[in-house]
């Protein structure tokens, strides 16, 4: 079951992620990054599974360098989980879907 993830940008990051009343996962990625491409379908599936419960988003680091720099993203893919505007968890590299889902669920609970 795949869903529509949010495309996070430098412009909407505060309103959509930091000010959200839901837990938010942000996948920092780039078009040239192989592991990022593998993670794409996983993010779409998570978006479907967490619809209404969490914000699932992707942020292209090449198009949105300010936000990537602000959070010190050096290697991609990096996924950050935000809650109440704060980073509460971080995963670097492509991870299995169940592991990502567990980390999101731990913050929702």
N, C-alpha and C. Protein backbone atom coordinates (compact mmCIF):
# COMPACT_ATOMS: atom_id res chain seq x y z
N UNK A 1 0.86 -1.19 0.00
CA UNK A 1 0.00 0.00 0.00
C UNK A 1 0.89 1.24 0.00
N UNK A 2 0.96 1.90 -1.13
CA UNK A 2 1.81 3.08 -1.15
C UNK A 2 0.96 4.34 -1.07
N UNK A 3 1.56 5.37 -0.53
CA UNK A 3 0.84 6.62 -0.35
C UNK A 3 1.64 7.77 -0.90
N UNK A 4 1.11 8.96 -0.75
CA UNK A 4 1.80 10.14 -1.24
C UNK A 4 2.59 10.77 -0.10
N UNK A 5 3.90 10.76 -0.24
CA UNK A 5 4.73 11.41 0.77
C UNK A 5 4.75 12.92 0.50
N UNK A 6 5.11 13.66 1.50
CA UNK A 6 5.23 15.10 1.38
C UNK A 6 6.61 15.43 0.82
N UNK A 7 6.66 16.36 -0.14
CA UNK A 7 7.95 16.85 -0.62
C UNK A 7 8.34 18.03 0.25
N UNK A 8 9.33 17.82 1.10
CA UNK A 8 9.79 18.88 2.00
C UNK A 8 10.80 19.76 1.27
N UNK A 9 10.74 21.07 1.55
CA UNK A 9 11.65 22.03 0.92
C UNK A 9 12.16 23.01 1.97
N UNK A 10 13.15 23.79 1.59
CA UNK A 10 13.62 24.85 2.49
C UNK A 10 12.45 25.77 2.87
N UNK A 11 11.54 25.98 1.91
CA UNK A 11 10.42 26.92 2.12
C UNK A 11 9.35 26.38 3.07
N UNK A 12 9.01 25.09 2.94
CA UNK A 12 7.88 24.58 3.74
C UNK A 12 8.31 23.78 4.96
N UNK A 13 9.63 23.67 5.20
CA UNK A 13 10.11 22.79 6.27
C UNK A 13 9.55 23.16 7.63
N UNK A 14 9.55 24.46 7.94
CA UNK A 14 9.05 24.89 9.25
C UNK A 14 7.56 24.58 9.39
N UNK A 15 6.78 24.98 8.40
CA UNK A 15 5.32 24.82 8.52
C UNK A 15 4.89 23.35 8.47
N UNK A 16 5.52 22.55 7.59
CA UNK A 16 5.07 21.17 7.38
C UNK A 16 5.70 20.17 8.35
N UNK A 17 6.94 20.44 8.77
CA UNK A 17 7.65 19.47 9.61
C UNK A 17 7.76 19.96 11.05
N UNK A 18 8.40 21.10 11.24
CA UNK A 18 8.68 21.58 12.60
C UNK A 18 7.42 21.97 13.35
N UNK A 19 6.46 22.58 12.65
CA UNK A 19 5.23 23.03 13.31
C UNK A 19 4.13 21.97 13.29
N UNK A 20 4.41 20.79 12.73
CA UNK A 20 3.40 19.75 12.65
C UNK A 20 3.06 19.21 14.04
N UNK A 21 1.79 18.86 14.24
CA UNK A 21 1.41 18.25 15.52
C UNK A 21 1.60 16.74 15.48
N UNK A 22 2.12 16.24 14.35
CA UNK A 22 2.38 14.81 14.20
C UNK A 22 3.89 14.56 14.18
N UNK A 23 4.26 13.33 14.46
CA UNK A 23 5.64 12.89 14.28
C UNK A 23 5.94 12.96 12.78
N UNK A 24 7.14 13.40 12.40
CA UNK A 24 7.49 13.53 10.99
C UNK A 24 8.81 12.83 10.68
N UNK A 25 8.80 12.02 9.62
CA UNK A 25 10.02 11.40 9.12
C UNK A 25 10.47 12.19 7.89
N UNK A 26 11.72 12.60 7.86
CA UNK A 26 12.26 13.29 6.69
C UNK A 26 13.40 12.46 6.13
N UNK A 27 13.25 12.06 4.86
CA UNK A 27 14.29 11.31 4.16
C UNK A 27 15.09 12.32 3.34
N UNK A 28 16.35 12.57 3.73
CA UNK A 28 17.23 13.46 2.97
C UNK A 28 17.88 12.63 1.87
N UNK A 29 17.66 13.03 0.61
CA UNK A 29 18.08 12.22 -0.53
C UNK A 29 18.58 13.11 -1.67
N UNK A 30 19.11 12.47 -2.72
CA UNK A 30 19.49 13.15 -3.95
C UNK A 30 19.30 12.19 -5.12
N UNK A 31 19.06 12.77 -6.30
CA UNK A 31 18.77 11.96 -7.49
C UNK A 31 19.93 11.07 -7.90
N UNK A 32 21.17 11.47 -7.63
CA UNK A 32 22.35 10.71 -8.04
C UNK A 32 22.76 9.63 -7.05
N UNK A 33 22.02 9.51 -5.95
CA UNK A 33 22.41 8.60 -4.87
C UNK A 33 21.69 7.26 -5.02
N UNK A 34 22.47 6.19 -5.32
CA UNK A 34 21.90 4.86 -5.54
C UNK A 34 21.07 4.34 -4.38
N UNK A 35 21.63 4.31 -3.15
CA UNK A 35 20.85 3.83 -2.01
C UNK A 35 19.58 4.66 -1.78
N UNK A 36 19.63 5.95 -2.12
CA UNK A 36 18.43 6.80 -1.98
C UNK A 36 17.32 6.30 -2.91
N UNK A 37 17.70 5.90 -4.12
CA UNK A 37 16.72 5.41 -5.09
C UNK A 37 16.07 4.12 -4.58
N UNK A 38 16.87 3.27 -3.94
CA UNK A 38 16.33 2.02 -3.39
C UNK A 38 15.35 2.29 -2.25
N UNK A 39 15.59 3.36 -1.53
CA UNK A 39 14.75 3.70 -0.39
C UNK A 39 13.42 4.33 -0.81
N UNK A 40 13.37 4.89 -2.03
CA UNK A 40 12.18 5.59 -2.51
C UNK A 40 10.88 4.84 -2.33
N UNK A 41 10.79 3.60 -2.85
CA UNK A 41 9.54 2.82 -2.72
C UNK A 41 9.17 2.54 -1.26
N UNK A 42 10.18 2.38 -0.41
CA UNK A 42 9.95 2.14 1.02
C UNK A 42 9.26 3.36 1.63
N UNK A 43 9.75 4.57 1.27
CA UNK A 43 9.16 5.81 1.79
C UNK A 43 7.70 5.92 1.34
N UNK A 44 7.43 5.55 0.08
CA UNK A 44 6.05 5.60 -0.42
C UNK A 44 5.15 4.63 0.36
N UNK A 45 5.66 3.44 0.64
CA UNK A 45 4.87 2.47 1.42
C UNK A 45 4.61 2.99 2.83
N UNK A 46 5.64 3.57 3.44
CA UNK A 46 5.47 4.13 4.79
C UNK A 46 4.44 5.26 4.78
N UNK A 47 4.46 6.07 3.72
CA UNK A 47 3.49 7.17 3.61
C UNK A 47 2.07 6.62 3.61
N UNK A 48 1.85 5.49 2.94
CA UNK A 48 0.54 4.86 2.93
C UNK A 48 0.16 4.31 4.30
N UNK A 49 1.12 3.65 4.93
CA UNK A 49 0.84 3.00 6.21
C UNK A 49 0.62 3.99 7.35
N UNK A 50 1.31 5.13 7.29
CA UNK A 50 1.22 6.09 8.40
C UNK A 50 0.31 7.28 8.08
N UNK A 51 -0.47 7.16 7.00
CA UNK A 51 -1.35 8.26 6.61
C UNK A 51 -2.25 8.65 7.78
N UNK A 52 -2.28 9.93 8.11
CA UNK A 52 -3.10 10.42 9.21
C UNK A 52 -2.45 10.26 10.58
N UNK A 53 -1.35 9.48 10.65
CA UNK A 53 -0.70 9.25 11.94
C UNK A 53 0.65 9.94 12.05
N UNK A 54 1.34 10.05 10.90
CA UNK A 54 2.66 10.69 10.89
C UNK A 54 2.88 11.33 9.53
N UNK A 55 3.75 12.32 9.49
CA UNK A 55 4.12 12.97 8.23
C UNK A 55 5.35 12.23 7.69
N UNK A 56 5.23 11.71 6.47
CA UNK A 56 6.35 11.02 5.83
C UNK A 56 6.79 11.91 4.66
N UNK A 57 8.06 12.31 4.66
CA UNK A 57 8.49 13.25 3.63
C UNK A 57 9.88 12.96 3.12
N UNK A 58 10.17 13.54 1.95
CA UNK A 58 11.50 13.45 1.34
C UNK A 58 11.98 14.87 1.06
N UNK A 59 13.27 15.10 1.28
CA UNK A 59 13.85 16.40 1.00
C UNK A 59 15.09 16.20 0.13
N UNK A 60 15.05 16.79 -1.06
CA UNK A 60 16.17 16.70 -2.00
C UNK A 60 17.27 17.67 -1.54
N UNK A 61 18.43 17.12 -1.15
CA UNK A 61 19.49 17.96 -0.58
C UNK A 61 20.12 18.91 -1.60
N UNK A 62 20.08 18.52 -2.88
CA UNK A 62 20.63 19.41 -3.91
C UNK A 62 19.75 20.63 -4.14
N UNK A 63 18.43 20.42 -4.03
CA UNK A 63 17.49 21.52 -4.27
C UNK A 63 17.23 22.34 -3.01
N UNK A 64 17.53 21.77 -1.85
CA UNK A 64 17.23 22.43 -0.57
C UNK A 64 18.45 22.37 0.36
N UNK A 65 19.54 23.05 -0.04
CA UNK A 65 20.79 22.92 0.71
C UNK A 65 20.72 23.54 2.11
N UNK A 66 19.87 24.53 2.31
CA UNK A 66 19.83 25.22 3.61
C UNK A 66 19.39 24.29 4.73
N UNK A 67 18.30 23.56 4.49
CA UNK A 67 17.78 22.65 5.51
C UNK A 67 18.77 21.51 5.75
N UNK A 68 19.34 20.97 4.68
CA UNK A 68 20.32 19.89 4.82
C UNK A 68 21.51 20.36 5.66
N UNK A 69 21.98 21.57 5.40
CA UNK A 69 23.12 22.11 6.15
C UNK A 69 22.74 22.36 7.60
N UNK A 70 21.53 22.85 7.81
CA UNK A 70 21.06 23.16 9.16
C UNK A 70 21.10 21.92 10.06
N UNK A 71 20.81 20.76 9.49
CA UNK A 71 20.79 19.53 10.28
C UNK A 71 22.07 18.70 10.10
N UNK A 72 23.09 19.29 9.47
CA UNK A 72 24.39 18.63 9.37
C UNK A 72 24.36 17.34 8.58
N UNK A 73 23.55 17.30 7.52
CA UNK A 73 23.45 16.09 6.70
C UNK A 73 24.70 15.98 5.84
N UNK A 74 25.52 14.95 6.09
CA UNK A 74 26.76 14.77 5.33
C UNK A 74 26.72 13.56 4.43
N UNK A 75 26.02 12.52 4.84
CA UNK A 75 25.91 11.35 3.98
C UNK A 75 24.43 11.07 3.78
N UNK A 76 24.10 10.62 2.58
CA UNK A 76 22.70 10.33 2.29
C UNK A 76 22.61 8.90 1.77
N UNK A 77 21.47 8.24 1.95
CA UNK A 77 20.29 8.79 2.62
C UNK A 77 20.48 8.89 4.14
N UNK A 78 19.96 9.98 4.69
CA UNK A 78 19.83 10.12 6.14
C UNK A 78 18.37 10.39 6.41
N UNK A 79 17.80 9.70 7.39
CA UNK A 79 16.41 9.95 7.79
C UNK A 79 16.41 10.51 9.20
N UNK A 80 15.70 11.60 9.37
CA UNK A 80 15.53 12.18 10.70
C UNK A 80 14.06 12.07 11.08
N UNK A 81 13.80 11.79 12.35
CA UNK A 81 12.43 11.79 12.85
C UNK A 81 12.29 12.98 13.78
N UNK A 82 11.27 13.79 13.51
CA UNK A 82 11.00 14.99 14.29
C UNK A 82 9.75 14.81 15.12
N UNK A 83 9.76 15.37 16.32
CA UNK A 83 8.58 15.40 17.17
C UNK A 83 8.59 16.74 17.88
N UNK A 84 7.50 17.47 17.77
CA UNK A 84 7.41 18.81 18.38
C UNK A 84 8.58 19.70 17.96
N UNK A 85 8.98 19.59 16.69
CA UNK A 85 10.01 20.47 16.15
C UNK A 85 11.43 20.08 16.47
N UNK A 86 11.61 18.96 17.19
CA UNK A 86 12.95 18.52 17.58
C UNK A 86 13.30 17.19 16.92
N UNK A 87 14.58 17.00 16.61
CA UNK A 87 15.04 15.70 16.09
C UNK A 87 15.07 14.71 17.25
N UNK A 88 14.32 13.62 17.13
CA UNK A 88 14.26 12.62 18.20
C UNK A 88 14.93 11.30 17.80
N UNK A 89 15.20 11.12 16.50
CA UNK A 89 15.87 9.91 16.06
C UNK A 89 16.53 10.18 14.72
N UNK A 90 17.55 9.37 14.42
CA UNK A 90 18.30 9.54 13.17
C UNK A 90 18.75 8.19 12.66
N UNK A 91 18.61 7.98 11.35
CA UNK A 91 19.08 6.76 10.71
C UNK A 91 19.90 7.15 9.49
N UNK A 92 21.08 6.58 9.35
CA UNK A 92 21.92 6.88 8.20
C UNK A 92 22.03 5.63 7.35
N UNK A 93 21.80 5.78 6.05
CA UNK A 93 21.85 4.64 5.12
C UNK A 93 20.47 4.07 4.88
N UNK A 94 20.37 3.25 3.84
CA UNK A 94 19.09 2.61 3.52
C UNK A 94 18.81 1.54 4.57
N UNK A 95 17.63 1.61 5.15
CA UNK A 95 17.24 0.68 6.21
C UNK A 95 16.02 -0.11 5.75
N UNK A 96 15.82 -1.32 6.33
CA UNK A 96 14.61 -2.07 6.01
C UNK A 96 13.37 -1.35 6.54
N UNK A 97 12.26 -1.51 5.81
CA UNK A 97 11.03 -0.79 6.14
C UNK A 97 10.57 -1.04 7.57
N UNK A 98 10.63 -2.31 8.03
CA UNK A 98 10.11 -2.61 9.37
C UNK A 98 10.91 -1.87 10.45
N UNK A 99 12.21 -1.68 10.21
CA UNK A 99 13.04 -0.98 11.17
C UNK A 99 12.67 0.52 11.24
N UNK A 100 12.43 1.10 10.08
CA UNK A 100 12.02 2.51 10.03
C UNK A 100 10.66 2.67 10.70
N UNK A 101 9.72 1.76 10.38
CA UNK A 101 8.37 1.82 10.94
C UNK A 101 8.41 1.70 12.47
N UNK A 102 9.28 0.83 12.98
CA UNK A 102 9.41 0.67 14.44
C UNK A 102 9.83 1.98 15.10
N UNK A 103 10.79 2.67 14.46
CA UNK A 103 11.30 3.92 15.02
C UNK A 103 10.21 5.01 15.00
N UNK A 104 9.41 5.02 13.94
CA UNK A 104 8.30 6.00 13.87
C UNK A 104 7.26 5.67 14.95
N UNK A 105 6.88 4.39 15.02
CA UNK A 105 5.89 3.96 16.02
C UNK A 105 6.32 4.28 17.45
N UNK A 106 7.63 4.14 17.70
CA UNK A 106 8.15 4.41 19.05
C UNK A 106 7.92 5.88 19.44
N UNK A 107 7.93 6.77 18.44
CA UNK A 107 7.72 8.20 18.72
C UNK A 107 6.24 8.56 18.80
N UNK A 108 5.40 7.81 18.07
CA UNK A 108 3.96 8.07 18.10
C UNK A 108 3.36 7.63 19.43
N UNK A 109 3.88 6.51 19.93
CA UNK A 109 3.32 5.91 21.16
C UNK A 109 3.39 6.85 22.35
